PDB file of N, CA and C in Angstrom:
ATOM      1  N   MET A   1     -14.987  12.461 -56.948  1.00  0.00           N
ATOM      2  CA  MET A   1     -16.259  11.803 -56.703  1.00  0.00           C
ATOM      3  C   MET A   1     -16.385  11.390 -55.230  1.00  0.00           C
ATOM      4  N   VAL A   2     -15.292  10.888 -54.659  1.00  0.00           N
ATOM      5  CA  VAL A   2     -15.312  10.453 -53.263  1.00  0.00           C
ATOM      6  C   VAL A   2     -15.609  11.639 -52.356  1.00  0.00           C
ATOM      7  N   ALA A   3     -15.034  12.784 -52.664  1.00  0.00           N
ATOM      8  CA  ALA A   3     -15.257  13.977 -51.845  1.00  0.00           C
ATOM      9  C   ALA A   3     -16.722  14.402 -51.895  1.00  0.00           C
ATOM     10  N   ILE A   4     -17.358  14.268 -53.033  1.00  0.00           N
ATOM     11  CA  ILE A   4     -18.768  14.637 -53.176  1.00  0.00           C
ATOM     12  C   ILE A   4     -19.642  13.708 -52.326  1.00  0.00           C
ATOM     13  N   VAL A   5     -19.345  12.417 -52.384  1.00  0.00           N
ATOM     14  CA  VAL A   5     -20.125  11.453 -51.618  1.00  0.00           C
ATOM     15  C   VAL A   5     -19.916  11.692 -50.119  1.00  0.00           C
ATOM     16  N   ARG A   6     -18.671  11.941 -49.704  1.00  0.00           N
ATOM     17  CA  ARG A   6     -18.406  12.211 -48.290  1.00  0.00           C
ATOM     18  C   ARG A   6     -19.161  13.441 -47.810  1.00  0.00           C
ATOM     19  N   ARG A   7     -19.126  14.487 -48.606  1.00  0.00           N
ATOM     20  CA  ARG A   7     -19.824  15.719 -48.215  1.00  0.00           C
ATOM     21  C   ARG A   7     -21.326  15.454 -48.112  1.00  0.00           C
ATOM     22  N   CYS A   8     -21.850  14.713 -49.057  1.00  0.00           N
ATOM     23  CA  CYS A   8     -23.276  14.387 -49.053  1.00  0.00           C
ATOM     24  C   CYS A   8     -23.642  13.603 -47.790  1.00  0.00           C
ATOM     25  N   VAL A   9     -22.837  12.588 -47.477  1.00  0.00           N
ATOM     26  CA  VAL A   9     -23.110  11.757 -46.301  1.00  0.00           C
ATOM     27  C   VAL A   9     -22.976  12.581 -45.029  1.00  0.00           C
ATOM     28  N   ASN A  10     -21.905  13.354 -44.910  1.00  0.00           N
ATOM     29  CA  ASN A  10     -21.695  14.164 -43.706  1.00  0.00           C
ATOM     30  C   ASN A  10     -22.838  15.151 -43.490  1.00  0.00           C
ATOM     31  N   ASN A  11     -23.236  15.835 -44.540  1.00  0.00           N
ATOM     32  CA  ASN A  11     -24.327  16.810 -44.404  1.00  0.00           C
ATOM     33  C   ASN A  11     -25.663  16.120 -44.124  1.00  0.00           C
ATOM     34  N   ALA A  12     -25.872  14.944 -44.698  1.00  0.00           N
ATOM     35  CA  ALA A  12     -27.101  14.192 -44.421  1.00  0.00           C
ATOM     36  C   ALA A  12     -27.137  13.771 -42.955  1.00  0.00           C
ATOM     37  N   LEU A  13     -25.989  13.350 -42.426  1.00  0.00           N
ATOM     38  CA  LEU A  13     -25.926  12.945 -41.024  1.00  0.00           C
ATOM     39  C   LEU A  13     -26.117  14.122 -40.078  1.00  0.00           C
ATOM     40  N   GLN A  14     -25.803  15.316 -40.547  1.00  0.00           N
ATOM     41  CA  GLN A  14     -25.993  16.510 -39.727  1.00  0.00           C
ATOM     42  C   GLN A  14     -27.427  17.023 -39.802  1.00  0.00           C
ATOM     43  N   GLY A  15     -28.265  16.358 -40.592  1.00  0.00           N
ATOM     44  CA  GLY A  15     -29.684  16.687 -40.618  1.00  0.00           C
ATOM     45  C   GLY A  15     -30.121  17.587 -41.752  1.00  0.00           C
ATOM     46  N   ASP A  16     -29.285  17.814 -42.728  1.00  0.00           N
ATOM     47  CA  ASP A  16     -29.659  18.661 -43.866  1.00  0.00           C
ATOM     48  C   ASP A  16     -30.574  17.860 -44.797  1.00  0.00           C
ATOM     49  N   PRO A  17     -31.848  18.248 -44.922  1.00  0.00           N
ATOM     50  CA  PRO A  17     -32.796  17.464 -45.721  1.00  0.00           C
ATOM     51  C   PRO A  17     -32.429  17.392 -47.207  1.00  0.00           C
ATOM     52  N   LYS A  18     -31.822  18.441 -47.735  1.00  0.00           N
ATOM     53  CA  LYS A  18     -31.419  18.441 -49.146  1.00  0.00           C
ATOM     54  C   LYS A  18     -30.369  17.363 -49.392  1.00  0.00           C
ATOM     55  N   TYR A  19     -29.393  17.286 -48.508  1.00  0.00           N
ATOM     56  CA  TYR A  19     -28.345  16.285 -48.674  1.00  0.00           C
ATOM     57  C   TYR A  19     -28.843  14.887 -48.330  1.00  0.00           C
ATOM     58  N   PHE A  20     -29.805  14.783 -47.419  1.00  0.00           N
ATOM     59  CA  PHE A  20     -30.374  13.487 -47.112  1.00  0.00           C
ATOM     60  C   PHE A  20     -31.090  12.920 -48.334  1.00  0.00           C
ATOM     61  N   ALA A  21     -31.827  13.753 -49.026  1.00  0.00           N
ATOM     62  CA  ALA A  21     -32.508  13.330 -50.260  1.00  0.00           C
ATOM     63  C   ALA A  21     -31.484  12.912 -51.312  1.00  0.00           C
ATOM     64  N   ALA A  22     -30.402  13.684 -51.416  1.00  0.00           N
ATOM     65  CA  ALA A  22     -29.352  13.346 -52.379  1.00  0.00           C
ATOM     66  C   ALA A  22     -28.701  12.012 -52.006  1.00  0.00           C
ATOM     67  N   PHE A  23     -28.490  11.797 -50.707  1.00  0.00           N
ATOM     68  CA  PHE A  23     -27.910  10.540 -50.241  1.00  0.00           C
ATOM     69  C   PHE A  23     -28.819   9.366 -50.613  1.00  0.00           C
ATOM     70  N   LEU A  24     -30.131   9.527 -50.405  1.00  0.00           N
ATOM     71  CA  LEU A  24     -31.065   8.453 -50.763  1.00  0.00           C
ATOM     72  C   LEU A  24     -31.012   8.154 -52.251  1.00  0.00           C
ATOM     73  N   GLN A  25     -30.879   9.189 -53.063  1.00  0.00           N
ATOM     74  CA  GLN A  25     -30.790   8.978 -54.509  1.00  0.00           C
ATOM     75  C   GLN A  25     -29.504   8.238 -54.882  1.00  0.00           C
ATOM     76  N   LEU A  26     -28.440   8.471 -54.126  1.00  0.00           N
ATOM     77  CA  LEU A  26     -27.185   7.761 -54.385  1.00  0.00           C
ATOM     78  C   LEU A  26     -27.269   6.297 -53.962  1.00  0.00           C
ATOM     79  N   VAL A  27     -27.969   6.032 -52.878  1.00  0.00           N
ATOM     80  CA  VAL A  27     -27.996   4.684 -52.311  1.00  0.00           C
ATOM     81  C   VAL A  27     -29.052   3.800 -52.971  1.00  0.00           C
ATOM     82  N   ARG A  28     -30.157   4.378 -53.383  1.00  0.00           N
ATOM     83  CA  ARG A  28     -31.275   3.595 -53.930  1.00  0.00           C
ATOM     84  C   ARG A  28     -30.846   2.637 -55.045  1.00  0.00           C
ATOM     85  N   PRO A  29     -30.061   3.051 -56.023  1.00  0.00           N
ATOM     86  CA  PRO A  29     -29.688   2.114 -57.105  1.00  0.00           C
ATOM     87  C   PRO A  29     -28.853   0.925 -56.637  1.00  0.00           C
ATOM     88  N   THR A  30     -28.207   1.025 -55.492  1.00  0.00           N
ATOM     89  CA  THR A  30     -27.384  -0.083 -55.009  1.00  0.00           C
ATOM     90  C   THR A  30     -28.224  -1.226 -54.460  1.00  0.00           C
ATOM     91  N   GLY A  31     -29.480  -0.953 -54.091  1.00  0.00           N
ATOM     92  CA  GLY A  31     -30.358  -1.978 -53.549  1.00  0.00           C
ATOM     93  C   GLY A  31     -30.199  -2.170 -52.054  1.00  0.00           C
ATOM     94  N   LEU A  32     -29.359  -1.371 -51.410  1.00  0.00           N
ATOM     95  CA  LEU A  32     -29.160  -1.520 -49.967  1.00  0.00           C
ATOM     96  C   LEU A  32     -30.413  -1.205 -49.168  1.00  0.00           C
ATOM     97  N   LEU A  33     -31.269  -0.345 -49.691  1.00  0.00           N
ATOM     98  CA  LEU A  33     -32.480   0.021 -48.970  1.00  0.00           C
ATOM     99  C   LEU A  33     -33.573  -1.033 -49.117  1.00  0.00           C
ATOM    100  N   ASP A  34     -33.440  -1.925 -50.108  1.00  0.00           N
ATOM    101  CA  ASP A  34     -34.460  -2.930 -50.368  1.00  0.00           C
ATOM    102  C   ASP A  34     -34.224  -4.230 -49.604  1.00  0.00           C
ATOM    103  N   GLU A  35     -33.002  -4.429 -49.117  1.00  0.00           N
ATOM    104  CA  GLU A  35     -32.659  -5.691 -48.470  1.00  0.00           C
ATOM    105  C   GLU A  35     -33.206  -5.755 -47.054  1.00  0.00           C
ATOM    106  N   GLU A  36     -33.668  -6.946 -46.699  1.00  0.00           N
ATOM    107  CA  GLU A  36     -34.079  -7.203 -45.319  1.00  0.00           C
ATOM    108  C   GLU A  36     -32.822  -7.464 -44.510  1.00  0.00           C
ATOM    109  N   PRO A  37     -32.736  -6.912 -43.325  1.00  0.00           N
ATOM    110  CA  PRO A  37     -31.552  -7.199 -42.518  1.00  0.00           C
ATOM    111  C   PRO A  37     -31.519  -8.661 -42.112  1.00  0.00           C
ATOM    112  N   GLU A  38     -30.304  -9.227 -42.064  1.00  0.00           N
ATOM    113  CA  GLU A  38     -30.156 -10.617 -41.668  1.00  0.00           C
ATOM    114  C   GLU A  38     -30.420 -10.735 -40.169  1.00  0.00           C
ATOM    115  N   PRO A  39     -31.127 -11.776 -39.777  1.00  0.00           N
ATOM    116  CA  PRO A  39     -31.353 -11.938 -38.337  1.00  0.00           C
ATOM    117  C   PRO A  39     -30.028 -12.189 -37.636  1.00  0.00           C
ATOM    118  N   SER A  40     -29.891 -11.619 -36.463  1.00  0.00           N
ATOM    119  CA  SER A  40     -28.642 -11.797 -35.730  1.00  0.00           C
ATOM    120  C   SER A  40     -28.556 -13.223 -35.222  1.00  0.00           C
ATOM    121  N   SER A  41     -27.368 -13.742 -35.272  1.00  0.00           N
ATOM    122  CA  SER A  41     -27.179 -15.108 -34.796  1.00  0.00           C
ATOM    123  C   SER A  41     -27.028 -15.085 -33.283  1.00  0.00           C
ATOM    124  N   THR A  42     -27.593 -16.064 -32.659  1.00  0.00           N
ATOM    125  CA  THR A  42     -27.474 -16.168 -31.207  1.00  0.00           C
ATOM    126  C   THR A  42     -26.368 -17.167 -30.922  1.00  0.00           C
ATOM    127  N   GLN A  43     -25.179 -16.642 -30.734  1.00  0.00           N
ATOM    128  CA  GLN A  43     -24.039 -17.491 -30.470  1.00  0.00           C
ATOM    129  C   GLN A  43     -23.953 -17.766 -28.977  1.00  0.00           C
ATOM    130  N   SER A  44     -23.666 -19.007 -28.651  1.00  0.00           N
ATOM    131  CA  SER A  44     -23.483 -19.310 -27.237  1.00  0.00           C
ATOM    132  C   SER A  44     -22.071 -18.892 -26.851  1.00  0.00           C
ATOM    133  N   ILE A  45     -21.924 -18.504 -25.600  1.00  0.00           N
ATOM    134  CA  ILE A  45     -20.614 -18.064 -25.168  1.00  0.00           C
ATOM    135  C   ILE A  45     -19.806 -19.268 -24.707  1.00  0.00           C
ATOM    136  N   SER A  46     -18.497 -19.147 -24.820  1.00  0.00           N
ATOM    137  CA  SER A  46     -17.624 -20.256 -24.469  1.00  0.00           C
ATOM    138  C   SER A  46     -17.506 -20.389 -22.950  1.00  0.00           C
ATOM    139  N   ALA A  47     -16.980 -21.504 -22.519  1.00  0.00           N
ATOM    140  CA  ALA A  47     -16.779 -21.743 -21.087  1.00  0.00           C
ATOM    141  C   ALA A  47     -15.809 -20.716 -20.520  1.00  0.00           C
ATOM    142  N   GLU A  48     -14.813 -20.335 -21.322  1.00  0.00           N
ATOM    143  CA  GLU A  48     -13.838 -19.328 -20.875  1.00  0.00           C
ATOM    144  C   GLU A  48     -14.528 -17.984 -20.648  1.00  0.00           C
ATOM    145  N   ASP A  49     -15.416 -17.604 -21.567  1.00  0.00           N
ATOM    146  CA  ASP A  49     -16.159 -16.349 -21.413  1.00  0.00           C
ATOM    147  C   ASP A  49     -17.062 -16.397 -20.174  1.00  0.00           C
ATOM    148  N   GLU A  50     -17.693 -17.545 -19.938  1.00  0.00           N
ATOM    149  CA  GLU A  50     -18.545 -17.683 -18.755  1.00  0.00           C
ATOM    150  C   GLU A  50     -17.729 -17.515 -17.482  1.00  0.00           C
ATOM    151  N   ALA A  51     -16.521 -18.069 -17.468  1.00  0.00           N
ATOM    152  CA  ALA A  51     -15.650 -17.947 -16.289  1.00  0.00           C
ATOM    153  C   ALA A  51     -15.250 -16.488 -16.070  1.00  0.00           C
ATOM    154  N   ILE A  52     -14.957 -15.785 -17.154  1.00  0.00           N
ATOM    155  CA  ILE A  52     -14.590 -14.373 -17.047  1.00  0.00           C
ATOM    156  C   ILE A  52     -15.749 -13.570 -16.475  1.00  0.00           C
ATOM    157  N   LEU A  53     -16.952 -13.834 -16.981  1.00  0.00           N
ATOM    158  CA  LEU A  53     -18.130 -13.128 -16.480  1.00  0.00           C
ATOM    159  C   LEU A  53     -18.391 -13.449 -15.009  1.00  0.00           C
ATOM    160  N   ALA A  54     -18.228 -14.702 -14.626  1.00  0.00           N
ATOM    161  CA  ALA A  54     -18.449 -15.083 -13.223  1.00  0.00           C
ATOM    162  C   ALA A  54     -17.453 -14.367 -12.313  1.00  0.00           C
ATOM    163  N   THR A  55     -16.191 -14.286 -12.740  1.00  0.00           N
ATOM    164  CA  THR A  55     -15.176 -13.581 -11.958  1.00  0.00           C
ATOM    165  C   THR A  55     -15.515 -12.115 -11.838  1.00  0.00           C
ATOM    166  N   PHE A  56     -15.958 -11.526 -12.926  1.00  0.00           N
ATOM    167  CA  PHE A  56     -16.327 -10.114 -12.936  1.00  0.00           C
ATOM    168  C   PHE A  56     -17.479  -9.854 -11.968  1.00  0.00           C
ATOM    169  N   ILE A  57     -18.483 -10.705 -11.996  1.00  0.00           N
ATOM    170  CA  ILE A  57     -19.642 -10.539 -11.108  1.00  0.00           C
ATOM    171  C   ILE A  57     -19.216 -10.684  -9.649  1.00  0.00           C
ATOM    172  N   GLU A  58     -18.339 -11.651  -9.370  1.00  0.00           N
ATOM    173  CA  GLU A  58     -17.846 -11.816  -7.998  1.00  0.00           C
ATOM    174  C   GLU A  58     -17.115 -10.563  -7.535  1.00  0.00           C
ATOM    175  N   ARG A  59     -16.304  -9.987  -8.402  1.00  0.00           N
ATOM    176  CA  ARG A  59     -15.576  -8.769  -8.036  1.00  0.00           C
ATOM    177  C   ARG A  59     -16.531  -7.612  -7.780  1.00  0.00           C
ATOM    178  N   LEU A  60     -17.554  -7.505  -8.625  1.00  0.00           N
ATOM    179  CA  LEU A  60     -18.538  -6.443  -8.419  1.00  0.00           C
ATOM    180  C   LEU A  60     -19.244  -6.617  -7.076  1.00  0.00           C
ATOM    181  N   GLN A  61     -19.602  -7.850  -6.758  1.00  0.00           N
ATOM    182  CA  GLN A  61     -20.255  -8.107  -5.485  1.00  0.00           C
ATOM    183  C   GLN A  61     -19.318  -7.808  -4.326  1.00  0.00           C
ATOM    184  N   GLY A  62     -18.041  -8.126  -4.481  1.00  0.00           N
ATOM    185  CA  GLY A  62     -17.060  -7.819  -3.453  1.00  0.00           C
ATOM    186  C   GLY A  62     -16.915  -6.321  -3.258  1.00  0.00           C
ATOM    187  N   MET A  63     -16.954  -5.572  -4.358  1.00  0.00           N
ATOM    188  CA  MET A  63     -16.861  -4.116  -4.262  1.00  0.00           C
ATOM    189  C   MET A  63     -18.104  -3.564  -3.586  1.00  0.00           C
ATOM    190  N   SER A  64     -19.251  -4.151  -3.870  1.00  0.00           N
ATOM    191  CA  SER A  64     -20.495  -3.718  -3.244  1.00  0.00           C
ATOM    192  C   SER A  64     -20.437  -3.959  -1.742  1.00  0.00           C
ATOM    193  N   ASN A  65     -19.909  -5.127  -1.333  1.00  0.00           N
ATOM    194  CA  ASN A  65     -19.770  -5.435   0.088  1.00  0.00           C
ATOM    195  C   ASN A  65     -18.810  -4.465   0.757  1.00  0.00           C
ATOM    196  N   THR A  66     -17.764  -4.066   0.056  1.00  0.00           N
ATOM    197  CA  THR A  66     -16.798  -3.121   0.609  1.00  0.00           C
ATOM    198  C   THR A  66     -17.472  -1.784   0.877  1.00  0.00           C
ATOM    199  N   LEU A  67     -18.334  -1.371  -0.025  1.00  0.00           N
ATOM    200  CA  LEU A  67     -19.043  -0.110   0.175  1.00  0.00           C
ATOM    201  C   LEU A  67     -19.992  -0.191   1.360  1.00  0.00           C
ATOM    202  N   ASP A  68     -20.473  -1.390   1.637  1.00  0.00           N
ATOM    203  CA  ASP A  68     -21.380  -1.591   2.765  1.00  0.00           C
ATOM    204  C   ASP A  68     -20.632  -1.796   4.077  1.00  0.00           C
ATOM    205  N   GLY A  69     -19.300  -1.777   4.030  1.00  0.00           N
ATOM    206  CA  GLY A  69     -18.513  -1.983   5.234  1.00  0.00           C
ATOM    207  C   GLY A  69     -18.149  -3.427   5.468  1.00  0.00           C
ATOM    208  N   GLU A  70     -18.377  -4.294   4.497  1.00  0.00           N
ATOM    209  CA  GLU A  70     -18.054  -5.700   4.623  1.00  0.00           C
ATOM    210  C   GLU A  70     -17.022  -6.058   3.570  1.00  0.00           C
ATOM    211  N   GLY A  71     -16.590  -7.289   3.574  1.00  0.00           N
ATOM    212  CA  GLY A  71     -15.748  -7.796   2.508  1.00  0.00           C
ATOM    213  C   GLY A  71     -14.311  -7.330   2.603  1.00  0.00           C
ATOM    214  N   PRO A  72     -13.602  -7.359   1.473  1.00  0.00           N
ATOM    215  CA  PRO A  72     -12.186  -7.055   1.455  1.00  0.00           C
ATOM    216  C   PRO A  72     -11.904  -5.656   1.987  1.00  0.00           C
ATOM    217  N   SER A  73     -10.750  -5.533   2.641  1.00  0.00           N
ATOM    218  CA  SER A  73     -10.440  -4.247   3.248  1.00  0.00           C
ATOM    219  C   SER A  73      -9.432  -3.438   2.457  1.00  0.00           C
ATOM    220  N   THR A  74      -8.750  -4.061   1.507  1.00  0.00           N
ATOM    221  CA  THR A  74      -7.770  -3.318   0.714  1.00  0.00           C
ATOM    222  C   THR A  74      -8.121  -3.401  -0.753  1.00  0.00           C
ATOM    223  N   GLU A  75      -7.576  -2.473  -1.502  1.00  0.00           N
ATOM    224  CA  GLU A  75      -7.828  -2.458  -2.943  1.00  0.00           C
ATOM    225  C   GLU A  75      -7.281  -3.712  -3.598  1.00  0.00           C
ATOM    226  N   ALA A  76      -6.136  -4.204  -3.114  1.00  0.00           N
ATOM    227  CA  ALA A  76      -5.534  -5.404  -3.683  1.00  0.00           C
ATOM    228  C   ALA A  76      -6.463  -6.599  -3.529  1.00  0.00           C
ATOM    229  N   GLU A  77      -7.166  -6.681  -2.405  1.00  0.00           N
ATOM    230  CA  GLU A  77      -8.089  -7.793  -2.206  1.00  0.00           C
ATOM    231  C   GLU A  77      -9.294  -7.672  -3.119  1.00  0.00           C
ATOM    232  N   VAL A  78      -9.743  -6.441  -3.392  1.00  0.00           N
ATOM    233  CA  VAL A  78     -10.891  -6.237  -4.273  1.00  0.00           C
ATOM    234  C   VAL A  78     -10.523  -6.578  -5.700  1.00  0.00           C
ATOM    235  N   VAL A  79      -9.376  -6.087  -6.152  1.00  0.00           N
ATOM    236  CA  VAL A  79      -8.954  -6.284  -7.532  1.00  0.00           C
ATOM    237  C   VAL A  79      -8.422  -7.692  -7.738  1.00  0.00           C
ATOM    238  N   GLY A  80      -7.907  -8.292  -6.682  1.00  0.00           N
ATOM    239  CA  GLY A  80      -7.388  -9.640  -6.809  1.00  0.00           C
ATOM    240  C   GLY A  80      -5.925  -9.655  -7.201  1.00  0.00           C
ATOM    241  N   THR A  81      -5.210  -8.575  -6.938  1.00  0.00           N
ATOM    242  CA  THR A  81      -3.797  -8.519  -7.260  1.00  0.00           C
ATOM    243  C   THR A  81      -3.006  -8.224  -6.003  1.00  0.00           C
ATOM    244  N   VAL A  82      -1.741  -8.463  -6.102  1.00  0.00           N
ATOM    245  CA  VAL A  82      -0.856  -8.170  -4.986  1.00  0.00           C
ATOM    246  C   VAL A  82      -0.190  -6.822  -5.284  1.00  0.00           C
ATOM    247  N   PRO A  83      -0.221  -5.867  -4.326  1.00  0.00           N
ATOM    248  CA  PRO A  83       0.393  -4.572  -4.596  1.00  0.00           C
ATOM    249  C   PRO A  83       1.895  -4.724  -4.783  1.00  0.00           C
ATOM    250  N   GLU A  84       2.450  -3.905  -5.662  1.00  0.00           N
ATOM    251  CA  GLU A  84       3.880  -3.945  -5.918  1.00  0.00           C
ATOM    252  C   GLU A  84       4.630  -3.359  -4.735  1.00  0.00           C
ATOM    253  N   ALA A  85       5.788  -3.957  -4.450  1.00  0.00           N
ATOM    254  CA  ALA A  85       6.623  -3.445  -3.374  1.00  0.00           C
ATOM    255  C   ALA A  85       7.282  -2.167  -3.820  1.00  0.00           C
ATOM    256  N   GLU A  86       7.433  -1.244  -2.882  1.00  0.00           N
ATOM    257  CA  GLU A  86       8.083   0.013  -3.214  1.00  0.00           C
ATOM    258  C   GLU A  86       9.572  -0.239  -3.370  1.00  0.00           C
ATOM    259  N   PRO A  87      10.211   0.432  -4.332  1.00  0.00           N
ATOM    260  CA  PRO A  87      11.644   0.214  -4.531  1.00  0.00           C
ATOM    261  C   PRO A  87      12.442   0.660  -3.320  1.00  0.00           C
ATOM    262  N   GLU A  88      13.470  -0.136  -2.992  1.00  0.00           N
ATOM    263  CA  GLU A  88      14.319   0.207  -1.855  1.00  0.00           C
ATOM    264  C   GLU A  88      15.269   1.318  -2.237  1.00  0.00           C
ATOM    265  N   GLU A  89      15.492   2.218  -1.303  1.00  0.00           N
ATOM    266  CA  GLU A  89      16.430   3.311  -1.551  1.00  0.00           C
ATOM    267  C   GLU A  89      17.816   2.864  -1.204  1.00  0.00           C
ATOM    268  N   LYS A  90      18.770   3.217  -2.066  1.00  0.00           N
ATOM    269  CA  LYS A  90      20.171   2.860  -1.819  1.00  0.00           C
ATOM    270  C   LYS A  90      20.804   3.974  -1.011  1.00  0.00           C
ATOM    271  N   ALA A  91      21.633   3.597  -0.055  1.00  0.00           N
ATOM    272  CA  ALA A  91      22.281   4.591   0.836  1.00  0.00           C
ATOM    273  C   ALA A  91      23.529   5.165   0.226  1.00  0.00           C
TER     274      ALA A  91
END
């Protein structure tokens, strides 16, 4: 039964009108087509998320300034990290 439903759904998604009609007949008795979608909740973002976004915007602006010939001169300054030191060779 699961294989039949999967085939029906896959073929309906590929645009086959026969399978789309069959899919509607399978779904209609469940009542999923009759329900109104729930309104999305408007959640406020946390202070931590706001800080992350502010940092991201600052970095984007810094990258924009770099493209204009201003701002940080190295990738480490743009990304905000310190480049790793190259390993020393042993003699």
